[in-house]
Amino acid sequence: MKLLAAAFSAALMAGGALAAPKDPPETKSATVGKISEAQARIIAFGHGLVHVEEISLLDGRWEIAGRDPSGDELLIDLNAGDGSLLR
């Protein structure tokens, strides 16, 4: 009976290790040289955007559409590798 209890305890401990949470996407993307969506938003705000309406990652660049302080539409493209302004 003690052997069965020990085996059950070991299985429970191993199962917990298998269910451990993975690194968040921002951490992974930072390690492979790509900026995260949150970083892209911060950079876009630094270029005059005050409201993000749409953001997408396409072909190695972040495409960000939103509004400037006067309410006019503003489109910003950022290099997804280093965050530099493309448009």
PDB file of N, CA and C in Angstrom:
ATOM      1  N   MET A   1       0.817  -1.194   0.000  1.00  0.00           N
ATOM      2  CA  MET A   1       0.000   0.000   0.000  1.00  0.00           C
ATOM      3  C   MET A   1       0.863   1.262   0.000  1.00  0.00           C
ATOM      4  N   LYS A   2       1.975   1.228   0.769  1.00  0.00           N
ATOM      5  CA  LYS A   2       2.867   2.390   0.801  1.00  0.00           C
ATOM      6  C   LYS A   2       3.488   2.622  -0.571  1.00  0.00           C
ATOM      7  N   LEU A   3       3.780   1.549  -1.293  1.00  0.00           N
ATOM      8  CA  LEU A   3       4.362   1.664  -2.627  1.00  0.00           C
ATOM      9  C   LEU A   3       3.376   2.345  -3.579  1.00  0.00           C
ATOM     10  N   LEU A   4       2.108   1.978  -3.481  1.00  0.00           N
ATOM     11  CA  LEU A   4       1.076   2.586  -4.315  1.00  0.00           C
ATOM     12  C   LEU A   4       0.923   4.073  -3.997  1.00  0.00           C
ATOM     13  N   ALA A   5       0.946   4.429  -2.720  1.00  0.00           N
ATOM     14  CA  ALA A   5       0.839   5.829  -2.315  1.00  0.00           C
ATOM     15  C   ALA A   5       2.038   6.627  -2.808  1.00  0.00           C
ATOM     16  N   ALA A   6       3.232   6.048  -2.739  1.00  0.00           N
ATOM     17  CA  ALA A   6       4.437   6.728  -3.210  1.00  0.00           C
ATOM     18  C   ALA A   6       4.381   6.934  -4.720  1.00  0.00           C
ATOM     19  N   ALA A   7       3.912   5.934  -5.458  1.00  0.00           N
ATOM     20  CA  ALA A   7       3.803   6.050  -6.912  1.00  0.00           C
ATOM     21  C   ALA A   7       2.783   7.120  -7.287  1.00  0.00           C
ATOM     22  N   PHE A   8       1.670   7.160  -6.558  1.00  0.00           N
ATOM     23  CA  PHE A   8       0.638   8.157  -6.818  1.00  0.00           C
ATOM     24  C   PHE A   8       1.166   9.565  -6.553  1.00  0.00           C
ATOM     25  N   SER A   9       1.894   9.737  -5.457  1.00  0.00           N
ATOM     26  CA  SER A   9       2.478  11.040  -5.127  1.00  0.00           C
ATOM     27  C   SER A   9       3.470  11.482  -6.191  1.00  0.00           C
ATOM     28  N   ALA A  10       4.296  10.555  -6.664  1.00  0.00           N
ATOM     29  CA  ALA A  10       5.275  10.878  -7.702  1.00  0.00           C
ATOM     30  C   ALA A  10       4.574  11.290  -8.990  1.00  0.00           C
ATOM     31  N   ALA A  11       3.487  10.606  -9.334  1.00  0.00           N
ATOM     32  CA  ALA A  11       2.741  10.945 -10.545  1.00  0.00           C
ATOM     33  C   ALA A  11       2.115  12.334 -10.432  1.00  0.00           C
ATOM     34  N   LEU A  12       1.606  12.680  -9.262  1.00  0.00           N
ATOM     35  CA  LEU A  12       1.028  14.012  -9.066  1.00  0.00           C
ATOM     36  C   LEU A  12       2.075  15.104  -9.211  1.00  0.00           C
ATOM     37  N   MET A  13       3.250  14.876  -8.648  1.00  0.00           N
ATOM     38  CA  MET A  13       4.321  15.877  -8.750  1.00  0.00           C
ATOM     39  C   MET A  13       4.781  16.029 -10.191  1.00  0.00           C
ATOM     40  N   ALA A  14       4.900  14.944 -10.923  1.00  0.00           N
ATOM     41  CA  ALA A  14       5.329  15.012 -12.320  1.00  0.00           C
ATOM     42  C   ALA A  14       4.276  15.708 -13.170  1.00  0.00           C
ATOM     43  N   GLY A  15       3.008  15.457 -12.895  1.00  0.00           N
ATOM     44  CA  GLY A  15       1.930  16.101 -13.647  1.00  0.00           C
ATOM     45  C   GLY A  15       1.939  17.603 -13.472  1.00  0.00           C
ATOM     46  N   GLY A  16       2.262  18.078 -12.291  1.00  0.00           N
ATOM     47  CA  GLY A  16       2.347  19.515 -12.052  1.00  0.00           C
ATOM     48  C   GLY A  16       3.452  20.156 -12.866  1.00  0.00           C
ATOM     49  N   ALA A  17       4.554  19.445 -13.021  1.00  0.00           N
ATOM     50  CA  ALA A  17       5.659  19.981 -13.815  1.00  0.00           C
ATOM     51  C   ALA A  17       5.281  20.065 -15.286  1.00  0.00           C
ATOM     52  N   LEU A  18       4.510  19.105 -15.764  1.00  0.00           N
ATOM     53  CA  LEU A  18       4.095  19.122 -17.164  1.00  0.00           C
ATOM     54  C   LEU A  18       3.103  20.244 -17.442  1.00  0.00           C
ATOM     55  N   ALA A  19       2.344  20.650 -16.438  1.00  0.00           N
ATOM     56  CA  ALA A  19       1.336  21.686 -16.622  1.00  0.00           C
ATOM     57  C   ALA A  19       1.863  23.079 -16.306  1.00  0.00           C
ATOM     58  N   ALA A  20       3.164  23.214 -16.123  1.00  0.00           N
ATOM     59  CA  ALA A  20       3.742  24.519 -15.803  1.00  0.00           C
ATOM     60  C   ALA A  20       3.468  25.495 -16.946  1.00  0.00           C
ATOM     61  N   PRO A  21       3.148  26.754 -16.634  1.00  0.00           N
ATOM     62  CA  PRO A  21       2.851  27.729 -17.683  1.00  0.00           C
ATOM     63  C   PRO A  21       4.075  28.012 -18.545  1.00  0.00           C
ATOM     64  N   LYS A  22       3.808  28.304 -19.800  1.00  0.00           N
ATOM     65  CA  LYS A  22       4.881  28.632 -20.737  1.00  0.00           C
ATOM     66  C   LYS A  22       5.203  30.112 -20.630  1.00  0.00           C
ATOM     67  N   ASP A  23       6.341  30.507 -21.191  1.00  0.00           N
ATOM     68  CA  ASP A  23       6.718  31.919 -21.203  1.00  0.00           C
ATOM     69  C   ASP A  23       5.694  32.701 -22.008  1.00  0.00           C
ATOM     70  N   PRO A  24       5.373  33.927 -21.585  1.00  0.00           N
ATOM     71  CA  PRO A  24       4.442  34.741 -22.368  1.00  0.00           C
ATOM     72  C   PRO A  24       5.031  35.054 -23.738  1.00  0.00           C
ATOM     73  N   PRO A  25       4.172  35.304 -24.756  1.00  0.00           N
ATOM     74  CA  PRO A  25       4.667  35.576 -26.108  1.00  0.00           C
ATOM     75  C   PRO A  25       5.654  36.733 -26.169  1.00  0.00           C
ATOM     76  N   GLU A  26       5.467  37.764 -25.318  1.00  0.00           N
ATOM     77  CA  GLU A  26       6.382  38.905 -25.354  1.00  0.00           C
ATOM     78  C   GLU A  26       7.798  38.478 -25.012  1.00  0.00           C
ATOM     79  N   THR A  27       7.932  37.557 -24.058  1.00  0.00           N
ATOM     80  CA  THR A  27       9.259  37.090 -23.665  1.00  0.00           C
ATOM     81  C   THR A  27       9.909  36.332 -24.806  1.00  0.00           C
ATOM     82  N   LYS A  28       9.135  35.456 -25.443  1.00  0.00           N
ATOM     83  CA  LYS A  28       9.680  34.672 -26.543  1.00  0.00           C
ATOM     84  C   LYS A  28      10.090  35.567 -27.702  1.00  0.00           C
ATOM     85  N   SER A  29       9.229  36.514 -28.063  1.00  0.00           N
ATOM     86  CA  SER A  29       9.551  37.347 -29.208  1.00  0.00           C
ATOM     87  C   SER A  29      10.762  38.234 -28.929  1.00  0.00           C
ATOM     88  N   ALA A  30      10.950  38.629 -27.681  1.00  0.00           N
ATOM     89  CA  ALA A  30      12.108  39.455 -27.352  1.00  0.00           C
ATOM     90  C   ALA A  30      13.397  38.657 -27.487  1.00  0.00           C
ATOM     91  N   THR A  31      13.329  37.355 -27.240  1.00  0.00           N
ATOM     92  CA  THR A  31      14.544  36.556 -27.308  1.00  0.00           C
ATOM     93  C   THR A  31      14.933  36.228 -28.743  1.00  0.00           C
ATOM     94  N   VAL A  32      14.013  36.326 -29.699  1.00  0.00           N
ATOM     95  CA  VAL A  32      14.347  36.037 -31.080  1.00  0.00           C
ATOM     96  C   VAL A  32      14.516  37.315 -31.896  1.00  0.00           C
ATOM     97  N   GLY A  33      14.575  38.465 -31.239  1.00  0.00           N
ATOM     98  CA  GLY A  33      14.860  39.714 -31.923  1.00  0.00           C
ATOM     99  C   GLY A  33      13.655  40.392 -32.531  1.00  0.00           C
ATOM    100  N   LYS A  34      12.473  40.074 -32.073  1.00  0.00           N
ATOM    101  CA  LYS A  34      11.281  40.757 -32.572  1.00  0.00           C
ATOM    102  C   LYS A  34      10.644  41.531 -31.434  1.00  0.00           C
ATOM    103  N   ILE A  35      10.114  42.703 -31.779  1.00  0.00           N
ATOM    104  CA  ILE A  35       9.447  43.490 -30.746  1.00  0.00           C
ATOM    105  C   ILE A  35       8.024  42.956 -30.555  1.00  0.00           C
ATOM    106  N   SER A  36       7.516  43.056 -29.344  1.00  0.00           N
ATOM    107  CA  SER A  36       6.172  42.586 -29.025  1.00  0.00           C
ATOM    108  C   SER A  36       5.131  43.612 -29.476  1.00  0.00           C
ATOM    109  N   GLU A  37       3.867  43.207 -29.434  1.00  0.00           N
ATOM    110  CA  GLU A  37       2.790  44.132 -29.764  1.00  0.00           C
ATOM    111  C   GLU A  37       2.782  45.310 -28.798  1.00  0.00           C
ATOM    112  N   ALA A  38       3.001  45.032 -27.520  1.00  0.00           N
ATOM    113  CA  ALA A  38       3.026  46.110 -26.522  1.00  0.00           C
ATOM    114  C   ALA A  38       4.147  47.102 -26.827  1.00  0.00           C
ATOM    115  N   GLN A  39       5.315  46.599 -27.215  1.00  0.00           N
ATOM    116  CA  GLN A  39       6.427  47.481 -27.561  1.00  0.00           C
ATOM    117  C   GLN A  39       6.097  48.286 -28.813  1.00  0.00           C
ATOM    118  N   ALA A  40       5.445  47.655 -29.796  1.00  0.00           N
ATOM    119  CA  ALA A  40       5.060  48.354 -31.024  1.00  0.00           C
ATOM    120  C   ALA A  40       4.093  49.496 -30.714  1.00  0.00           C
ATOM    121  N   ARG A  41       3.161  49.256 -29.802  1.00  0.00           N
ATOM    122  CA  ARG A  41       2.215  50.308 -29.408  1.00  0.00           C
ATOM    123  C   ARG A  41       2.949  51.488 -28.760  1.00  0.00           C
ATOM    124  N   ILE A  42       3.886  51.186 -27.876  1.00  0.00           N
ATOM    125  CA  ILE A  42       4.646  52.245 -27.200  1.00  0.00           C
ATOM    126  C   ILE A  42       5.420  53.083 -28.214  1.00  0.00           C
ATOM    127  N   ILE A  43       6.045  52.424 -29.178  1.00  0.00           N
ATOM    128  CA  ILE A  43       6.799  53.137 -30.218  1.00  0.00           C
ATOM    129  C   ILE A  43       5.850  54.004 -31.046  1.00  0.00           C
ATOM    130  N   ALA A  44       4.682  53.453 -31.401  1.00  0.00           N
ATOM    131  CA  ALA A  44       3.705  54.212 -32.189  1.00  0.00           C
ATOM    132  C   ALA A  44       3.221  55.444 -31.428  1.00  0.00           C
ATOM    133  N   PHE A  45       2.996  55.303 -30.127  1.00  0.00           N
ATOM    134  CA  PHE A  45       2.592  56.462 -29.320  1.00  0.00           C
ATOM    135  C   PHE A  45       3.693  57.521 -29.335  1.00  0.00           C
ATOM    136  N   GLY A  46       4.933  57.100 -29.392  1.00  0.00           N
ATOM    137  CA  GLY A  46       6.051  58.033 -29.473  1.00  0.00           C
ATOM    138  C   GLY A  46       6.117  58.772 -30.800  1.00  0.00           C
ATOM    139  N   HIS A  47       5.430  58.239 -31.822  1.00  0.00           N
ATOM    140  CA  HIS A  47       5.396  58.879 -33.142  1.00  0.00           C
ATOM    141  C   HIS A  47       4.082  59.622 -33.385  1.00  0.00           C
ATOM    142  N   GLY A  48       3.344  59.931 -32.315  1.00  0.00           N
ATOM    143  CA  GLY A  48       2.172  60.783 -32.438  1.00  0.00           C
ATOM    144  C   GLY A  48       0.827  60.095 -32.381  1.00  0.00           C
ATOM    145  N   LEU A  49       0.786  58.803 -32.308  1.00  0.00           N
ATOM    146  CA  LEU A  49      -0.483  58.088 -32.202  1.00  0.00           C
ATOM    147  C   LEU A  49      -1.033  58.236 -30.785  1.00  0.00           C
ATOM    148  N   VAL A  50      -2.326  58.512 -30.661  1.00  0.00           N
ATOM    149  CA  VAL A  50      -2.933  58.603 -29.328  1.00  0.00           C
ATOM    150  C   VAL A  50      -4.005  57.537 -29.121  1.00  0.00           C
ATOM    151  N   HIS A  51      -4.454  56.907 -30.213  1.00  0.00           N
ATOM    152  CA  HIS A  51      -5.470  55.853 -30.120  1.00  0.00           C
ATOM    153  C   HIS A  51      -5.199  54.815 -31.208  1.00  0.00           C
ATOM    154  N   VAL A  52      -5.073  53.554 -30.812  1.00  0.00           N
ATOM    155  CA  VAL A  52      -4.862  52.466 -31.769  1.00  0.00           C
ATOM    156  C   VAL A  52      -6.214  51.871 -32.137  1.00  0.00           C
ATOM    157  N   GLU A  53      -6.514  51.859 -33.434  1.00  0.00           N
ATOM    158  CA  GLU A  53      -7.751  51.244 -33.912  1.00  0.00           C
ATOM    159  C   GLU A  53      -7.508  49.832 -34.420  1.00  0.00           C
ATOM    160  N   GLU A  54      -6.316  49.596 -34.994  1.00  0.00           N
ATOM    161  CA  GLU A  54      -5.995  48.274 -35.528  1.00  0.00           C
ATOM    162  C   GLU A  54      -4.485  48.089 -35.518  1.00  0.00           C
ATOM    163  N   ILE A  55      -4.054  46.879 -35.171  1.00  0.00           N
ATOM    164  CA  ILE A  55      -2.631  46.563 -35.191  1.00  0.00           C
ATOM    165  C   ILE A  55      -2.476  45.122 -35.650  1.00  0.00           C
ATOM    166  N   SER A  56      -1.534  44.904 -36.578  1.00  0.00           N
ATOM    167  CA  SER A  56      -1.315  43.543 -37.065  1.00  0.00           C
ATOM    168  C   SER A  56       0.146  43.361 -37.445  1.00  0.00           C
ATOM    169  N   LEU A  57       0.600  42.135 -37.316  1.00  0.00           N
ATOM    170  CA  LEU A  57       1.967  41.759 -37.667  1.00  0.00           C
ATOM    171  C   LEU A  57       1.925  41.037 -38.999  1.00  0.00           C
ATOM    172  N   LEU A  58       2.496  41.665 -40.038  1.00  0.00           N
ATOM    173  CA  LEU A  58       2.495  41.097 -41.381  1.00  0.00           C
ATOM    174  C   LEU A  58       3.854  41.271 -42.037  1.00  0.00           C
ATOM    175  N   ASP A  59       4.371  40.194 -42.597  1.00  0.00           N
ATOM    176  CA  ASP A  59       5.605  40.249 -43.388  1.00  0.00           C
ATOM    177  C   ASP A  59       6.750  40.970 -42.689  1.00  0.00           C
ATOM    178  N   GLY A  60       6.946  40.696 -41.415  1.00  0.00           N
ATOM    179  CA  GLY A  60       8.072  41.269 -40.697  1.00  0.00           C
ATOM    180  C   GLY A  60       7.903  42.715 -40.272  1.00  0.00           C
ATOM    181  N   ARG A  61       6.668  43.197 -40.295  1.00  0.00           N
ATOM    182  CA  ARG A  61       6.442  44.575 -39.845  1.00  0.00           C
ATOM    183  C   ARG A  61       5.125  44.664 -39.088  1.00  0.00           C
ATOM    184  N   TRP A  62       5.082  45.586 -38.147  1.00  0.00           N
ATOM    185  CA  TRP A  62       3.850  45.906 -37.433  1.00  0.00           C
ATOM    186  C   TRP A  62       3.149  47.006 -38.208  1.00  0.00           C
ATOM    187  N   GLU A  63       1.905  46.780 -38.602  1.00  0.00           N
ATOM    188  CA  GLU A  63       1.080  47.801 -39.245  1.00  0.00           C
ATOM    189  C   GLU A  63       0.096  48.305 -38.195  1.00  0.00           C
ATOM    190  N   ILE A  64       0.166  49.590 -37.913  1.00  0.00           N
ATOM    191  CA  ILE A  64      -0.639  50.178 -36.847  1.00  0.00           C
ATOM    192  C   ILE A  64      -1.461  51.324 -37.426  1.00  0.00           C
ATOM    193  N   ALA A  65      -2.765  51.240 -37.253  1.00  0.00           N
ATOM    194  CA  ALA A  65      -3.673  52.297 -37.703  1.00  0.00           C
ATOM    195  C   ALA A  65      -4.359  52.881 -36.478  1.00  0.00           C
ATOM    196  N   GLY A  66      -4.449  54.200 -36.464  1.00  0.00           N
ATOM    197  CA  GLY A  66      -5.084  54.849 -35.327  1.00  0.00           C
ATOM    198  C   GLY A  66      -5.327  56.317 -35.591  1.00  0.00           C
ATOM    199  N   ARG A  67      -5.379  57.082 -34.511  1.00  0.00           N
ATOM    200  CA  ARG A  67      -5.676  58.515 -34.594  1.00  0.00           C
ATOM    201  C   ARG A  67      -4.604  59.337 -33.899  1.00  0.00           C
ATOM    202  N   ASP A  68      -4.346  60.520 -34.458  1.00  0.00           N
ATOM    203  CA  ASP A  68      -3.421  61.459 -33.826  1.00  0.00           C
ATOM    204  C   ASP A  68      -4.215  62.366 -32.878  1.00  0.00           C
ATOM    205  N   PRO A  69      -3.552  63.300 -32.187  1.00  0.00           N
ATOM    206  CA  PRO A  69      -4.270  64.151 -31.218  1.00  0.00           C
ATOM    207  C   PRO A  69      -5.423  64.963 -31.812  1.00  0.00           C
ATOM    208  N   SER A  70      -5.350  65.299 -33.093  1.00  0.00           N
ATOM    209  CA  SER A  70      -6.436  66.075 -33.712  1.00  0.00           C
ATOM    210  C   SER A  70      -7.562  65.189 -34.237  1.00  0.00           C
ATOM    211  N   GLY A  71      -7.417  63.873 -34.112  1.00  0.00           N
ATOM    212  CA  GLY A  71      -8.456  62.949 -34.567  1.00  0.00           C
ATOM    213  C   GLY A  71      -8.270  62.447 -35.978  1.00  0.00           C
ATOM    214  N   ASP A  72      -7.216  62.915 -36.645  1.00  0.00           N
ATOM    215  CA  ASP A  72      -6.948  62.454 -38.004  1.00  0.00           C
ATOM    216  C   ASP A  72      -6.365  61.041 -37.983  1.00  0.00           C
ATOM    217  N   GLU A  73      -6.633  60.301 -39.074  1.00  0.00           N
ATOM    218  CA  GLU A  73      -6.111  58.939 -39.183  1.00  0.00           C
ATOM    219  C   GLU A  73      -4.600  58.967 -39.360  1.00  0.00           C
ATOM    220  N   LEU A  74      -3.926  58.046 -38.686  1.00  0.00           N
ATOM    221  CA  LEU A  74      -2.477  57.948 -38.776  1.00  0.00           C
ATOM    222  C   LEU A  74      -2.116  56.484 -38.987  1.00  0.00           C
ATOM    223  N   LEU A  75      -1.295  56.213 -40.005  1.00  0.00           N
ATOM    224  CA  LEU A  75      -0.820  54.865 -40.286  1.00  0.00           C
ATOM    225  C   LEU A  75       0.671  54.803 -40.015  1.00  0.00           C
ATOM    226  N   ILE A  76       1.085  53.816 -39.251  1.00  0.00           N
ATOM    227  CA  ILE A  76       2.494  53.656 -38.901  1.00  0.00           C
ATOM    228  C   ILE A  76       2.899  52.220 -39.180  1.00  0.00           C
ATOM    229  N   ASP A  77       4.017  52.049 -39.871  1.00  0.00           N
ATOM    230  CA  ASP A  77       4.601  50.725 -40.081  1.00  0.00           C
ATOM    231  C   ASP A  77       5.936  50.691 -39.357  1.00  0.00           C
ATOM    232  N   LEU A  78       6.144  49.640 -38.567  1.00  0.00           N
ATOM    233  CA  LEU A  78       7.385  49.470 -37.822  1.00  0.00           C
ATOM    234  C   LEU A  78       8.055  48.169 -38.214  1.00  0.00           C
ATOM    235  N   ASN A  79       9.366  48.190 -38.285  1.00  0.00           N
ATOM    236  CA  ASN A  79      10.136  46.970 -38.480  1.00  0.00           C
ATOM    237  C   ASN A  79       9.932  46.101 -37.244  1.00  0.00           C
ATOM    238  N   ALA A  80       9.454  44.864 -37.433  1.00  0.00           N
ATOM    239  CA  ALA A  80       9.166  43.984 -36.297  1.00  0.00           C
ATOM    240  C   ALA A  80      10.435  43.468 -35.636  1.00  0.00           C
ATOM    241  N   GLY A  81      11.560  43.593 -36.305  1.00  0.00           N
ATOM    242  CA  GLY A  81      12.816  43.124 -35.729  1.00  0.00           C
ATOM    243  C   GLY A  81      13.430  44.097 -34.746  1.00  0.00           C
ATOM    244  N   ASP A  82      13.406  45.389 -35.097  1.00  0.00           N
ATOM    245  CA  ASP A  82      14.082  46.369 -34.241  1.00  0.00           C
ATOM    246  C   ASP A  82      13.209  47.559 -33.848  1.00  0.00           C
ATOM    247  N   GLY A  83      11.990  47.638 -34.373  1.00  0.00           N
ATOM    248  CA  GLY A  83      11.087  48.723 -34.009  1.00  0.00           C
ATOM    249  C   GLY A  83      11.296  50.018 -34.765  1.00  0.00           C
ATOM    250  N   SER A  84      12.161  50.017 -35.773  1.00  0.00           N
ATOM    251  CA  SER A  84      12.406  51.252 -36.517  1.00  0.00           C
ATOM    252  C   SER A  84      11.198  51.601 -37.390  1.00  0.00           C
ATOM    253  N   LEU A  85      11.019  52.899 -37.613  1.00  0.00           N
ATOM    254  CA  LEU A  85       9.895  53.413 -38.383  1.00  0.00           C
ATOM    255  C   LEU A  85      10.118  53.143 -39.867  1.00  0.00           C
ATOM    256  N   LEU A  86       9.141  52.501 -40.507  1.00  0.00           N
ATOM    257  CA  LEU A  86       9.196  52.264 -41.945  1.00  0.00           C
ATOM    258  C   LEU A  86       8.312  53.250 -42.698  1.00  0.00           C
ATOM    259  N   ARG A  87       7.202  53.666 -42.060  1.00  0.00           N
ATOM    260  CA  ARG A  87       6.279  54.623 -42.680  1.00  0.00           C
ATOM    261  C   ARG A  87       5.555  55.357 -41.594  1.00  0.00           C
TER     262      ARG A  87
END
